[in-house]
Amino acid sequence: MSIEDDVARLRGAHGDLDGLDLIAAMRREFPQSLAVISSFGAEAAVLLDLVAQCDKTIPVIFLDTGELFDETLAYQVRLTEVLGLRNLRVIRPDPEDVKKADELWLTDADACCNLRKVQPLRRAVRGFRALIDGRKQYHGGGRESLSTIEAGAGEVVKIAPLARWSQQRIDEAFRLRKLPAHPLVAQGYHSIGCWPCSRPTGANEPVRAGRWAGAAKTECGIHRVSK
């Protein structure tokens, strides 16, 4: 079965689901080959809480690029402990690639993301057939038509359980589940990646306006899909 056929089958069976129901369905579909990709960013706690409710042993892949905020690294430790996640996998770029990428973000952000994110993640997800992530339609920047189930690069199924969730629903989940907030949210960061390429956003700016601000770039490249 091709990846397109697999996605069509999954959409037919589970396309109406989201949140915990979709995660549980994917756990059944891919019992040994399902993983979660998380940046432990501004809204990551909502997705990871749902994952923990489903199965705390699902692998959670955290990409430490070497340029993350100290607050993100501390938040990762705290959130992992609070939610009881049992299978966290911290992935880092090759040390030789890090040397090549030193301040590369100043001249070629795409190349920097490729060395620090895309290549390490590609190595880390070998063997997995389905990957869960926290992308949402309301974030904009090309995500407005995001599906909960898509064909990803490398014959991998991409699952976005929160694709159709609104900002209000995310905020409600934080409140009802008493989830800890990322420390930088209070400083105006609403989308948090590497420190050189993230800034706070104003009240009337899109959620992801602080990522690669002033550039045409809107994605790091790890979420490439085939429509």
Protein backbone atom coordinates (compact mmCIF):
# COMPACT_ATOMS: atom_id res chain seq x y z
CA MET A 1 0.00 0.00 0.00
CA SER A 2 1.36 3.43 -0.95
CA ILE A 3 1.54 6.28 1.57
CA GLU A 4 -1.27 8.02 -0.32
CA ASP A 5 -3.48 4.94 -0.05
CA ASP A 6 -2.63 4.59 3.63
CA VAL A 7 -3.54 8.23 4.31
CA ALA A 8 -6.81 7.87 2.39
CA ARG A 9 -7.70 4.79 4.44
CA LEU A 10 -6.84 6.51 7.72
CA ARG A 11 -8.82 9.61 6.81
CA GLY A 12 -11.81 7.46 5.92
CA ALA A 13 -11.63 5.64 9.25
CA HIS A 14 -10.51 8.44 11.58
CA GLY A 15 -10.79 11.76 9.71
CA ASP A 16 -13.56 12.99 11.99
CA LEU A 17 -11.45 12.56 15.14
CA ASP A 18 -9.06 14.91 16.85
CA GLY A 19 -7.35 15.37 20.20
CA LEU A 20 -7.15 12.35 22.50
CA ASP A 21 -9.50 10.27 20.35
CA LEU A 22 -7.25 10.62 17.31
CA ILE A 23 -4.09 9.87 19.31
CA ALA A 24 -5.72 6.72 20.73
CA ALA A 25 -6.79 5.64 17.24
CA MET A 26 -3.28 6.12 15.89
CA ARG A 27 -1.86 4.18 18.82
CA ARG A 28 -4.04 1.28 17.74
CA GLU A 29 -3.12 1.68 14.07
CA PHE A 30 0.63 1.93 14.73
CA PRO A 31 1.21 0.12 18.05
CA GLN A 32 4.98 -0.23 17.59
CA SER A 33 5.81 2.57 15.14
CA LEU A 34 4.19 5.77 16.45
CA ALA A 35 6.14 8.72 17.89
CA VAL A 36 5.54 12.32 18.90
CA ILE A 37 7.65 15.29 17.81
CA SER A 38 7.61 18.12 20.34
CA SER A 39 9.49 21.42 20.62
CA PHE A 40 8.34 21.85 24.23
CA GLY A 41 7.25 25.29 23.10
CA ALA A 42 4.46 27.67 24.03
CA GLU A 43 1.54 25.24 23.54
CA ALA A 44 3.35 21.90 23.71
CA ALA A 45 1.89 20.99 27.09
CA VAL A 46 -1.59 20.51 25.61
CA LEU A 47 -0.52 17.89 23.08
CA LEU A 48 1.85 16.15 25.47
CA ASP A 49 -0.84 15.99 28.15
CA LEU A 50 -3.13 14.22 25.67
CA VAL A 51 -0.32 11.84 24.75
CA ALA A 52 0.29 11.10 28.43
CA GLN A 53 -3.41 10.42 28.96
CA CYS A 54 -3.31 7.91 26.10
CA ASP A 55 0.01 6.18 26.84
CA LYS A 56 2.98 7.61 28.72
CA THR A 57 5.33 5.20 26.92
CA ILE A 58 4.79 6.62 23.42
CA PRO A 59 8.19 7.91 22.27
CA VAL A 60 8.46 11.70 22.47
CA ILE A 61 11.25 13.13 20.30
CA PHE A 62 12.69 16.44 21.48
CA LEU A 63 15.15 18.13 19.14
CA ASP A 64 17.77 20.08 21.07
CA THR A 65 19.31 22.19 18.32
CA GLY A 66 22.01 23.69 20.54
CA GLU A 67 20.41 27.11 20.11
CA LEU A 68 17.32 26.73 22.27
CA PHE A 69 16.43 29.11 25.06
CA ASP A 70 17.55 28.02 28.52
CA GLU A 71 13.91 28.41 29.52
CA THR A 72 12.88 25.80 26.94
CA LEU A 73 15.44 23.31 28.21
CA ALA A 74 14.23 23.80 31.79
CA TYR A 75 10.59 23.55 30.68
CA GLN A 76 11.29 20.26 28.92
CA VAL A 77 12.58 18.77 32.16
CA ARG A 78 9.68 20.11 34.20
CA LEU A 79 6.93 19.12 31.77
CA THR A 80 8.34 15.63 31.28
CA GLU A 81 8.25 15.14 35.03
CA VAL A 82 4.81 16.69 35.57
CA LEU A 83 3.19 14.59 32.84
CA GLY A 84 5.10 11.43 33.68
CA LEU A 85 6.37 10.87 30.16
CA ARG A 86 8.47 7.70 30.17
CA ASN A 87 10.06 7.62 26.74
CA LEU A 88 11.61 11.01 26.05
CA ARG A 89 14.30 10.94 23.37
CA VAL A 90 16.53 14.01 23.22
CA ILE A 91 18.04 14.35 19.75
CA ARG A 92 20.95 16.64 18.94
CA PRO A 93 22.70 17.54 15.70
CA ASP A 94 26.01 15.99 14.80
CA PRO A 95 28.85 17.92 16.51
CA GLU A 96 30.58 18.42 13.17
CA ASP A 97 27.39 19.89 11.73
CA VAL A 98 27.12 22.23 14.72
CA LYS A 99 30.57 23.57 13.91
CA LYS A 100 29.46 24.25 10.34
CA ALA A 101 26.27 25.91 11.54
CA ASP A 102 27.90 28.38 13.93
CA GLU A 103 26.03 31.66 13.32
CA LEU A 104 24.79 30.27 10.00
CA TRP A 105 21.36 31.63 10.92
CA LEU A 106 22.74 35.10 10.13
CA THR A 107 23.35 34.30 6.47
CA ASP A 108 21.27 31.23 5.58
CA ALA A 109 18.50 30.30 7.99
CA ASP A 110 17.31 27.44 5.78
CA ALA A 111 20.74 25.81 5.82
CA CYS A 112 20.96 26.31 9.58
CA CYS A 113 17.59 24.61 10.11
CA ASN A 114 18.65 21.78 7.82
CA LEU A 115 21.81 21.08 9.82
CA ARG A 116 20.32 21.59 13.27
CA LYS A 117 16.81 20.19 12.77
CA VAL A 118 15.96 18.44 9.53
CA GLN A 119 18.92 16.07 9.29
CA PRO A 120 18.99 15.05 12.99
CA LEU A 121 15.25 14.45 13.00
CA ARG A 122 15.43 12.43 9.81
CA ARG A 123 17.89 10.11 11.51
CA ALA A 124 15.83 9.96 14.72
CA VAL A 125 12.54 8.94 13.13
CA ARG A 126 13.83 6.03 11.07
CA GLY A 127 11.63 3.03 11.76
CA PHE A 128 8.54 5.05 12.69
CA ARG A 129 5.55 4.93 10.36
CA ALA A 130 3.51 7.73 11.93
CA LEU A 131 4.54 10.97 13.65
CA ILE A 132 2.32 13.13 15.84
CA ASP A 133 2.96 16.87 16.09
CA GLY A 134 1.31 19.99 17.48
CA ARG A 135 0.61 22.04 14.36
CA LYS A 136 -2.66 24.01 14.22
CA GLN A 137 -4.64 25.75 11.48
CA TYR A 138 -5.12 28.96 13.44
CA HIS A 139 -1.37 29.57 13.53
CA GLY A 140 -1.55 30.58 9.87
CA GLY A 141 1.61 30.91 7.82
CA GLY A 142 0.43 28.25 5.38
CA ARG A 143 -1.17 26.01 8.01
CA GLU A 144 -4.74 27.22 7.43
CA SER A 145 -5.68 24.11 5.42
CA LEU A 146 -3.78 21.67 7.61
CA SER A 147 -5.34 18.21 7.82
CA THR A 148 -5.30 16.01 10.90
CA ILE A 149 -3.83 13.20 8.76
CA GLU A 150 -1.33 13.84 5.96
CA ALA A 151 1.35 12.12 3.91
CA GLY A 152 4.74 13.21 5.16
CA ALA A 153 8.13 13.08 3.53
CA GLY A 154 9.80 9.68 3.56
CA GLU A 155 6.61 7.59 3.48
CA VAL A 156 5.62 8.68 6.99
CA VAL A 157 2.06 9.53 8.05
CA LYS A 158 1.84 12.93 9.76
CA ILE A 159 -0.77 13.26 12.49
CA ALA A 160 -1.91 16.66 13.82
CA PRO A 161 -4.46 16.00 16.59
CA LEU A 162 -4.82 19.73 17.36
CA ALA A 163 -5.10 20.90 13.75
CA ARG A 164 -8.69 22.12 14.14
CA TRP A 165 -8.36 23.41 17.70
CA SER A 166 -8.78 27.15 18.30
CA GLN A 167 -6.74 29.41 20.56
CA GLN A 168 -9.68 29.39 22.98
CA ARG A 169 -9.70 25.60 23.13
CA ILE A 170 -5.94 25.53 23.77
CA ASP A 171 -6.29 28.10 26.55
CA GLU A 172 -9.15 26.11 28.06
CA ALA A 173 -7.04 22.94 28.09
CA PHE A 174 -4.27 24.76 29.97
CA ARG A 175 -6.81 25.98 32.51
CA LEU A 176 -8.81 22.79 33.01
CA ARG A 177 -5.78 20.50 33.13
CA LYS A 178 -3.74 22.96 35.23
CA LEU A 179 -0.83 22.68 32.81
CA PRO A 180 2.34 24.67 33.50
CA ALA A 181 3.09 27.43 30.99
CA HIS A 182 6.36 27.89 29.17
CA PRO A 183 8.18 30.68 31.08
CA LEU A 184 8.68 32.77 27.93
CA VAL A 185 4.95 33.05 27.24
CA ALA A 186 4.69 35.66 30.00
CA GLN A 187 7.31 37.67 28.10
CA GLY A 188 5.23 37.76 24.92
CA TYR A 189 6.61 34.74 23.07
CA HIS A 190 3.76 32.82 21.43
CA SER A 191 5.83 30.61 19.10
CA ILE A 192 9.18 29.51 20.46
CA GLY A 193 12.06 27.98 18.54
CA CYS A 194 15.77 28.73 18.56
CA TRP A 195 16.67 31.97 20.34
CA PRO A 196 18.27 33.72 17.32
CA CYS A 197 15.13 33.27 15.22
CA SER A 198 12.36 33.87 17.78
CA ARG A 199 11.02 37.12 19.21
CA PRO A 200 7.97 38.23 21.23
CA THR A 201 4.84 39.12 19.27
CA GLY A 202 2.34 41.91 19.76
CA ALA A 203 -1.31 41.42 20.64
CA ASN A 204 -2.46 41.99 17.04
CA GLU A 205 0.25 39.94 15.34
CA PRO A 206 -0.19 36.38 14.06
CA VAL A 207 0.96 33.64 16.44
CA ARG A 208 4.03 32.79 14.36
CA ALA A 209 5.00 36.36 13.47
CA GLY A 210 7.93 36.11 15.85
CA ARG A 211 9.57 33.25 13.96
CA TRP A 212 12.19 34.35 11.41
CA ALA A 213 10.69 37.86 11.68
CA GLY A 214 11.30 40.02 8.63
CA ALA A 215 12.05 37.04 6.39
CA ALA A 216 9.89 35.12 3.94
CA LYS A 217 10.71 31.92 5.84
CA THR A 218 7.78 30.45 7.83
CA GLU A 219 8.83 26.82 8.45
CA CYS A 220 12.02 25.07 9.53
CA GLY A 221 11.47 22.15 7.16
CA ILE A 222 10.70 19.26 9.50
CA HIS A 223 6.98 19.27 8.62
CA ARG A 224 7.20 18.79 4.87
CA VAL A 225 4.20 16.91 3.56
CA SER A 226 2.92 15.53 0.28
CA LYS A 227 -0.59 16.70 -0.50
